[in-house]
Amino acid sequence: MGRNLSDKENEQLKRLLSGLQKAVVSKKARQKFTDELYSMNERSPEKKSVPYGIRIPGIILPVPRLALALSGICMIFIISTAAFIGNLPVLENITGTVKVQGIFGSGLVLAKNNQRLWPMSVIKTYDDGKADITSGKKYSMRLRPESEIVLAHLPMPFQGKINYQLNKGNVLAYYAGKKQGHKGEFCIETDDLSATAVGTDFMVKSISPVSGSWVGVLDGVVRVAAARKSNLASAPILVQSREETWAKPGMPPAFPRRMSEDDWLDMSELYAVGIKPQVALLISSGPTRTSELLNLTPLYITDEKDGSLPPALREAAEALNKAAKDDTPSLHQEAIKKVRDIVDKSKDKRYTIHFLLFIGAYQYQLELYQEAINTFLEAAQKYPDSRLASIAWCAIGKIRAEKLGDQQGAWNAYKVILDKYPISPEGALIRDMQKQ
């Protein structure tokens, strides 16, 4: 048999519903709940009590319907909270002294691996400290020693602007959010400038209050503008691969220029930031990358955890180092064979073209020109959709023209680039050559 609730019970229930209405739930879910309340009130406006029901002045709710509505709100709240927490970045690969200021503004405490970072968290590395900040496959950053960065703004998953404030030091950043469905922007700001990624690898330095800030791009494009609080009306500039810019206090960013070799090599650590394991040729994305390759550019292989490299790859690296040191033909041939065995036996084909281009460049340096051509041709034909395929064709053309005196063979290789990869850096290079 039903009964009316006491005044005390009614008051408790009103406080409960008032709290739920203030909870962080979606606008659509809150409106649905409100409509449900009013629709039931209109169906039974004169009733004073309902068996197994709850009466609130002006509103009558049967318990099963109330429970269902409340559980729906709670579930939406829990799911939204879980999605937000899952979007929080994580600290990884901590070495040395790294401290974090927590969510409630408490003092700096020692950071822990796999620790989640909340909005407005402060991460500080000391002279022996280094740490990675990662967010799934969207982005990864490496905070170098004596640096401090703040997670200034973190949006809901897949939308809005991700914003970090670099107070001092320098940070390497890898961003692939567009590929992972992130619809917002990824930005690192200093007191002097803001650097917004357009899907790229880049580095930001906050040098000093007097010297200003610096941005260098390893691969891709970064949009750089004056810091928002500077109130400068200058237009943003685009900084391309292997370029740099800087801004002094109170001044807009300088026009981009070619990065120095030392700064570029310093940024090669970026290849260890992000998705692992990773193998990469240390070449730029500009028109000089074929020449960089043929000068035997380094092959960067991530091995942050001791023993993580396959034994065959470790042996090949040791053979290459020994051959370079002793400089004997037999050791060079042995080193090439070991790398070639990795290419032939590996089930992971993601990096095969990197290895093939490296082998081709190695053969070129040994003046094995026809073997180098054959290796580059294999790379181009096996991986025609790779962004590196045009490099292989350009290398073939350069070897034929400059080392074998085969101008027609060189033109045939260049024509493939103009036909299949017209917007590649090699395409632009060949068009410039035709104009001369």
Foldseek 3Di string as FASTA:
>chain_A
DADADDPVVLVVVVVVVVVLLPAPADPVLSVVLVVVFVVQCVVPVPDPTDRCWYDDVSTTDRVVVVVVSVVVSVVRRVVQVVQQQLQFKFKAPKDDFKWKQAPVRDDTDGDDGRDTHDAFMKIAAAQGIKIKIDGPQFKIKIFDHGWMKGQHDDDGPQEEEGEMETAAAKMKMAGDNVVVRRPYWYWYHYQFKIKIFPGFIKMKGQHDLAAFIKIAGQAHKIWMWTDPVLPDPDHIDIAHHQWMWTGGPSGIIDDIDHHDPVVLVVSVCCQQIGDDFGKDFRAIQALCRLVCLLVLTDIDTHDSDPPPDDPLVVVLVVLVVVCVVVVDPVSLVVSLVSLVVCLVPPPDNPCSLVSLSNSLSSCVVVVVLVVSLVSLVVSCVVCVPDLCNLSSLQNNLCCCVPPVVNNVSSVVSLVCCCVRPCPGNNNVVVVVVVVD
